[in-house]
Amino acid sequence: MITHDISEAISMADRIIILSHRPSIIKKELTINLTNKSTPIENRKCKEFPNYYEEIWKEIDYHA
């Protein structure tokens, strides 16, 4: 699945790959391990969720 939504990626994926700008290369690969993983909506309530969100946001934050 390809998405541009960080929350969606964390709540639905087991692994997230962050790409660089063109030409794209793999910038970072994260394995998502959420406690009590059940549904995408419930996954957003896991205690690890904000940490993954912050880590991904820092990787994609850039100044155009």
PDB file of N, CA and C in Angstrom:
ATOM      1  N   MET A   1       0.847  -1.172   0.000  1.00  0.00           N
ATOM      2  CA  MET A   1       0.000   0.000   0.000  1.00  0.00           C
ATOM      3  C   MET A   1       0.894   1.237   0.000  1.00  0.00           C
ATOM      4  N   ILE A   2       0.541   2.216  -0.770  1.00  0.00           N
ATOM      5  CA  ILE A   2       1.246   3.493  -0.787  1.00  0.00           C
ATOM      6  C   ILE A   2       0.308   4.548  -0.230  1.00  0.00           C
ATOM      7  N   THR A   3       0.824   5.345   0.698  1.00  0.00           N
ATOM      8  CA  THR A   3       0.024   6.418   1.275  1.00  0.00           C
ATOM      9  C   THR A   3       0.919   7.607   1.579  1.00  0.00           C
ATOM     10  N   HIS A   4       0.310   8.764   1.649  1.00  0.00           N
ATOM     11  CA  HIS A   4       1.014   9.977   2.036  1.00  0.00           C
ATOM     12  C   HIS A   4       0.555  10.444   3.413  1.00  0.00           C
ATOM     13  N   ASP A   5      -0.252   9.629   4.068  1.00  0.00           N
ATOM     14  CA  ASP A   5      -0.800   9.952   5.382  1.00  0.00           C
ATOM     15  C   ASP A   5      -0.045   9.164   6.448  1.00  0.00           C
ATOM     16  N   ILE A   6       0.663   9.860   7.315  1.00  0.00           N
ATOM     17  CA  ILE A   6       1.482   9.203   8.325  1.00  0.00           C
ATOM     18  C   ILE A   6       0.641   8.354   9.274  1.00  0.00           C
ATOM     19  N   SER A   7      -0.459   8.888   9.760  1.00  0.00           N
ATOM     20  CA  SER A   7      -1.314   8.151  10.700  1.00  0.00           C
ATOM     21  C   SER A   7      -1.856   6.871  10.077  1.00  0.00           C
ATOM     22  N   GLU A   8      -2.269   6.959   8.838  1.00  0.00           N
ATOM     23  CA  GLU A   8      -2.787   5.788   8.134  1.00  0.00           C
ATOM     24  C   GLU A   8      -1.702   4.723   8.005  1.00  0.00           C
ATOM     25  N   ALA A   9      -0.507   5.143   7.651  1.00  0.00           N
ATOM     26  CA  ALA A   9       0.587   4.198   7.484  1.00  0.00           C
ATOM     27  C   ALA A   9       0.897   3.475   8.790  1.00  0.00           C
ATOM     28  N   ILE A  10       1.019   4.213   9.876  1.00  0.00           N
ATOM     29  CA  ILE A  10       1.347   3.608  11.176  1.00  0.00           C
ATOM     30  C   ILE A  10       0.250   2.659  11.625  1.00  0.00           C
ATOM     31  N   SER A  11      -0.994   3.066  11.468  1.00  0.00           N
ATOM     32  CA  SER A  11      -2.104   2.259  11.994  1.00  0.00           C
ATOM     33  C   SER A  11      -2.404   1.024  11.156  1.00  0.00           C
ATOM     34  N   MET A  12      -1.919   0.978   9.899  1.00  0.00           N
ATOM     35  CA  MET A  12      -2.256  -0.152   9.039  1.00  0.00           C
ATOM     36  C   MET A  12      -1.070  -1.033   8.643  1.00  0.00           C
ATOM     37  N   ALA A  13       0.137  -0.538   8.797  1.00  0.00           N
ATOM     38  CA  ALA A  13       1.297  -1.256   8.260  1.00  0.00           C
ATOM     39  C   ALA A  13       2.091  -1.990   9.329  1.00  0.00           C
ATOM     40  N   ASP A  14       2.824  -2.999   8.875  1.00  0.00           N
ATOM     41  CA  ASP A  14       3.802  -3.681   9.713  1.00  0.00           C
ATOM     42  C   ASP A  14       5.195  -3.104   9.468  1.00  0.00           C
ATOM     43  N   ARG A  15       5.339  -2.453   8.315  1.00  0.00           N
ATOM     44  CA  ARG A  15       6.618  -1.885   7.926  1.00  0.00           C
ATOM     45  C   ARG A  15       6.371  -0.624   7.111  1.00  0.00           C
ATOM     46  N   ILE A  16       7.187   0.394   7.347  1.00  0.00           N
ATOM     47  CA  ILE A  16       7.065   1.657   6.613  1.00  0.00           C
ATOM     48  C   ILE A  16       8.414   1.972   5.986  1.00  0.00           C
ATOM     49  N   ILE A  17       8.377   2.314   4.715  1.00  0.00           N
ATOM     50  CA  ILE A  17       9.591   2.705   4.000  1.00  0.00           C
ATOM     51  C   ILE A  17       9.443   4.157   3.597  1.00  0.00           C
ATOM     52  N   ILE A  18      10.400   4.967   4.012  1.00  0.00           N
ATOM     53  CA  ILE A  18      10.394   6.394   3.702  1.00  0.00           C
ATOM     54  C   ILE A  18      11.375   6.627   2.561  1.00  0.00           C
ATOM     55  N   LEU A  19      10.893   7.273   1.508  1.00  0.00           N
ATOM     56  CA  LEU A  19      11.721   7.538   0.341  1.00  0.00           C
ATOM     57  C   LEU A  19      12.214   8.979   0.340  1.00  0.00           C
ATOM     58  N   SER A  20      13.349   9.192  -0.303  1.00  0.00           N
ATOM     59  CA  SER A  20      13.896  10.536  -0.465  1.00  0.00           C
ATOM     60  C   SER A  20      13.231  11.205  -1.666  1.00  0.00           C
ATOM     61  N   HIS A  21      13.635  12.432  -1.911  1.00  0.00           N
ATOM     62  CA  HIS A  21      13.174  13.131  -3.112  1.00  0.00           C
ATOM     63  C   HIS A  21      13.805  12.487  -4.336  1.00  0.00           C
ATOM     64  N   ARG A  22      13.362  12.912  -5.507  1.00  0.00           N
ATOM     65  CA  ARG A  22      13.859  12.354  -6.759  1.00  0.00           C
ATOM     66  C   ARG A  22      15.331  12.644  -6.963  1.00  0.00           C
ATOM     67  N   PRO A  23      16.073  11.709  -7.482  1.00  0.00           N
ATOM     68  CA  PRO A  23      15.673  10.314  -7.704  1.00  0.00           C
ATOM     69  C   PRO A  23      15.540   9.608  -6.356  1.00  0.00           C
ATOM     70  N   SER A  24      14.444   8.912  -6.179  1.00  0.00           N
ATOM     71  CA  SER A  24      14.125   8.312  -4.878  1.00  0.00           C
ATOM     72  C   SER A  24      15.054   7.169  -4.524  1.00  0.00           C
ATOM     73  N   ILE A  25      15.459   7.213  -3.269  1.00  0.00           N
ATOM     74  CA  ILE A  25      16.178   6.089  -2.662  1.00  0.00           C
ATOM     75  C   ILE A  25      15.503   5.840  -1.312  1.00  0.00           C
ATOM     76  N   ILE A  26      15.732   4.660  -0.761  1.00  0.00           N
ATOM     77  CA  ILE A  26      15.156   4.371   0.556  1.00  0.00           C
ATOM     78  C   ILE A  26      15.940   5.168   1.586  1.00  0.00           C
ATOM     79  N   LYS A  27      15.226   6.059   2.257  1.00  0.00           N
ATOM     80  CA  LYS A  27      15.828   6.916   3.263  1.00  0.00           C
ATOM     81  C   LYS A  27      15.837   6.230   4.622  1.00  0.00           C
ATOM     82  N   LYS A  28      14.740   5.543   4.930  1.00  0.00           N
ATOM     83  CA  LYS A  28      14.634   4.862   6.222  1.00  0.00           C
ATOM     84  C   LYS A  28      13.555   3.785   6.121  1.00  0.00           C
ATOM     85  N   GLU A  29      13.771   2.707   6.845  1.00  0.00           N
ATOM     86  CA  GLU A  29      12.781   1.633   6.927  1.00  0.00           C
ATOM     87  C   GLU A  29      12.471   1.390   8.399  1.00  0.00           C
ATOM     88  N   LEU A  30      11.192   1.404   8.730  1.00  0.00           N
ATOM     89  CA  LEU A  30      10.751   1.198  10.109  1.00  0.00           C
ATOM     90  C   LEU A  30       9.868  -0.042  10.197  1.00  0.00           C
ATOM     91  N   THR A  31      10.101  -0.854  11.198  1.00  0.00           N
ATOM     92  CA  THR A  31       9.203  -1.957  11.514  1.00  0.00           C
ATOM     93  C   THR A  31       8.257  -1.445  12.590  1.00  0.00           C
ATOM     94  N   ILE A  32       6.962  -1.560  12.335  1.00  0.00           N
ATOM     95  CA  ILE A  32       5.950  -1.048  13.262  1.00  0.00           C
ATOM     96  C   ILE A  32       5.513  -2.170  14.196  1.00  0.00           C
ATOM     97  N   ASN A  33       5.751  -1.959  15.485  1.00  0.00           N
ATOM     98  CA  ASN A  33       5.348  -2.917  16.520  1.00  0.00           C
ATOM     99  C   ASN A  33       4.452  -2.193  17.519  1.00  0.00           C
ATOM    100  N   LEU A  34       3.170  -2.331  17.337  1.00  0.00           N
ATOM    101  CA  LEU A  34       2.209  -1.709  18.245  1.00  0.00           C
ATOM    102  C   LEU A  34       1.679  -2.743  19.228  1.00  0.00           C
ATOM    103  N   THR A  35       1.538  -2.343  20.500  1.00  0.00           N
ATOM    104  CA  THR A  35       0.925  -3.237  21.481  1.00  0.00           C
ATOM    105  C   THR A  35      -0.584  -3.244  21.253  1.00  0.00           C
ATOM    106  N   ASN A  36      -1.194  -4.354  21.533  1.00  0.00           N
ATOM    107  CA  ASN A  36      -2.661  -4.482  21.403  1.00  0.00           C
ATOM    108  C   ASN A  36      -3.151  -4.155  20.005  1.00  0.00           C
ATOM    109  N   LYS A  37      -2.389  -4.520  18.987  1.00  0.00           N
ATOM    110  CA  LYS A  37      -2.769  -4.219  17.603  1.00  0.00           C
ATOM    111  C   LYS A  37      -4.048  -4.964  17.239  1.00  0.00           C
ATOM    112  N   SER A  38      -5.052  -4.216  16.786  1.00  0.00           N
ATOM    113  CA  SER A  38      -6.309  -4.856  16.397  1.00  0.00           C
ATOM    114  C   SER A  38      -6.855  -4.243  15.115  1.00  0.00           C
ATOM    115  N   THR A  39      -7.476  -3.084  15.207  1.00  0.00           N
ATOM    116  CA  THR A  39      -8.019  -2.411  14.028  1.00  0.00           C
ATOM    117  C   THR A  39      -7.270  -1.096  13.816  1.00  0.00           C
ATOM    118  N   PRO A  40      -7.286  -0.556  12.604  1.00  0.00           N
ATOM    119  CA  PRO A  40      -6.588   0.716  12.372  1.00  0.00           C
ATOM    120  C   PRO A  40      -7.003   1.833  13.326  1.00  0.00           C
ATOM    121  N   ILE A  41      -8.269   1.909  13.661  1.00  0.00           N
ATOM    122  CA  ILE A  41      -8.728   2.961  14.578  1.00  0.00           C
ATOM    123  C   ILE A  41      -8.178   2.712  15.982  1.00  0.00           C
ATOM    124  N   GLU A  42      -8.241   1.469  16.450  1.00  0.00           N
ATOM    125  CA  GLU A  42      -7.716   1.142  17.773  1.00  0.00           C
ATOM    126  C   GLU A  42      -6.194   1.277  17.824  1.00  0.00           C
ATOM    127  N   ASN A  43      -5.528   0.991  16.717  1.00  0.00           N
ATOM    128  CA  ASN A  43      -4.070   1.090  16.678  1.00  0.00           C
ATOM    129  C   ASN A  43      -3.592   2.512  16.953  1.00  0.00           C
ATOM    130  N   ARG A  44      -4.387   3.501  16.612  1.00  0.00           N
ATOM    131  CA  ARG A  44      -4.010   4.901  16.845  1.00  0.00           C
ATOM    132  C   ARG A  44      -3.988   5.251  18.334  1.00  0.00           C
ATOM    133  N   LYS A  45      -4.571   4.379  19.159  1.00  0.00           N
ATOM    134  CA  LYS A  45      -4.589   4.605  20.604  1.00  0.00           C
ATOM    135  C   LYS A  45      -3.409   3.938  21.316  1.00  0.00           C
ATOM    136  N   CYS A  46      -2.610   3.162  20.590  1.00  0.00           N
ATOM    137  CA  CYS A  46      -1.464   2.478  21.195  1.00  0.00           C
ATOM    138  C   CYS A  46      -0.441   3.493  21.678  1.00  0.00           C
ATOM    139  N   LYS A  47       0.215   3.168  22.785  1.00  0.00           N
ATOM    140  CA  LYS A  47       1.157   4.111  23.399  1.00  0.00           C
ATOM    141  C   LYS A  47       2.354   4.419  22.502  1.00  0.00           C
ATOM    142  N   GLU A  48       2.711   3.515  21.597  1.00  0.00           N
ATOM    143  CA  GLU A  48       3.862   3.736  20.716  1.00  0.00           C
ATOM    144  C   GLU A  48       3.536   4.636  19.524  1.00  0.00           C
ATOM    145  N   PHE A  49       2.264   4.784  19.234  1.00  0.00           N
ATOM    146  CA  PHE A  49       1.838   5.516  18.041  1.00  0.00           C
ATOM    147  C   PHE A  49       2.473   6.911  17.931  1.00  0.00           C
ATOM    148  N   PRO A  50       2.414   7.747  18.971  1.00  0.00           N
ATOM    149  CA  PRO A  50       2.993   9.096  18.846  1.00  0.00           C
ATOM    150  C   PRO A  50       4.507   9.088  18.591  1.00  0.00           C
ATOM    151  N   ASN A  51       5.196   8.090  19.121  1.00  0.00           N
ATOM    152  CA  ASN A  51       6.639   7.996  18.890  1.00  0.00           C
ATOM    153  C   ASN A  51       6.952   7.705  17.428  1.00  0.00           C
ATOM    154  N   TYR A  52       6.211   6.771  16.836  1.00  0.00           N
ATOM    155  CA  TYR A  52       6.393   6.482  15.411  1.00  0.00           C
ATOM    156  C   TYR A  52       6.050   7.712  14.575  1.00  0.00           C
ATOM    157  N   TYR A  53       4.966   8.374  14.922  1.00  0.00           N
ATOM    158  CA  TYR A  53       4.531   9.563  14.177  1.00  0.00           C
ATOM    159  C   TYR A  53       5.633  10.624  14.173  1.00  0.00           C
ATOM    160  N   GLU A  54       6.185  10.890  15.336  1.00  0.00           N
ATOM    161  CA  GLU A  54       7.241  11.908  15.468  1.00  0.00           C
ATOM    162  C   GLU A  54       8.488  11.508  14.687  1.00  0.00           C
ATOM    163  N   GLU A  55       8.868  10.252  14.774  1.00  0.00           N
ATOM    164  CA  GLU A  55      10.060   9.774  14.074  1.00  0.00           C
ATOM    165  C   GLU A  55       9.909   9.909  12.557  1.00  0.00           C
ATOM    166  N   ILE A  56       8.737   9.534  12.046  1.00  0.00           N
ATOM    167  CA  ILE A  56       8.491   9.643  10.607  1.00  0.00           C
ATOM    168  C   ILE A  56       8.437  11.102  10.184  1.00  0.00           C
ATOM    169  N   TRP A  57       7.765  11.925  10.942  1.00  0.00           N
ATOM    170  CA  TRP A  57       7.643  13.344  10.595  1.00  0.00           C
ATOM    171  C   TRP A  57       9.019  14.002  10.502  1.00  0.00           C
ATOM    172  N   LYS A  58       9.906  13.662  11.420  1.00  0.00           N
ATOM    173  CA  LYS A  58      11.263  14.220  11.389  1.00  0.00           C
ATOM    174  C   LYS A  58      12.014  13.787  10.139  1.00  0.00           C
ATOM    175  N   GLU A  59      11.768  12.565   9.674  1.00  0.00           N
ATOM    176  CA  GLU A  59      12.442  12.066   8.464  1.00  0.00           C
ATOM    177  C   GLU A  59      11.949  12.761   7.204  1.00  0.00           C
ATOM    178  N   ILE A  60      10.670  13.112   7.164  1.00  0.00           N
ATOM    179  CA  ILE A  60      10.147  13.704   5.919  1.00  0.00           C
ATOM    180  C   ILE A  60      10.102  15.219   5.954  1.00  0.00           C
ATOM    181  N   ASP A  61      10.382  15.824   7.098  1.00  0.00           N
ATOM    182  CA  ASP A  61      10.368  17.278   7.195  1.00  0.00           C
ATOM    183  C   ASP A  61      11.529  17.860   6.386  1.00  0.00           C
ATOM    184  N   TYR A  62      11.219  18.707   5.460  1.00  0.00           N
ATOM    185  CA  TYR A  62      12.236  19.332   4.643  1.00  0.00           C
ATOM    186  C   TYR A  62      11.786  20.731   4.289  1.00  0.00           C
ATOM    187  N   HIS A  63      12.705  21.517   3.842  1.00  0.00           N
ATOM    188  CA  HIS A  63      12.406  22.884   3.413  1.00  0.00           C
ATOM    189  C   HIS A  63      12.545  22.963   1.908  1.00  0.00           C
ATOM    190  N   ALA A  64      11.451  23.259   1.238  1.00  0.00           N
ATOM    191  CA  ALA A  64      11.463  23.315  -0.231  1.00  0.00           C
ATOM    192  C   ALA A  64      12.073  24.609  -0.706  1.00  0.00           C
TER     193      ALA A  64
END
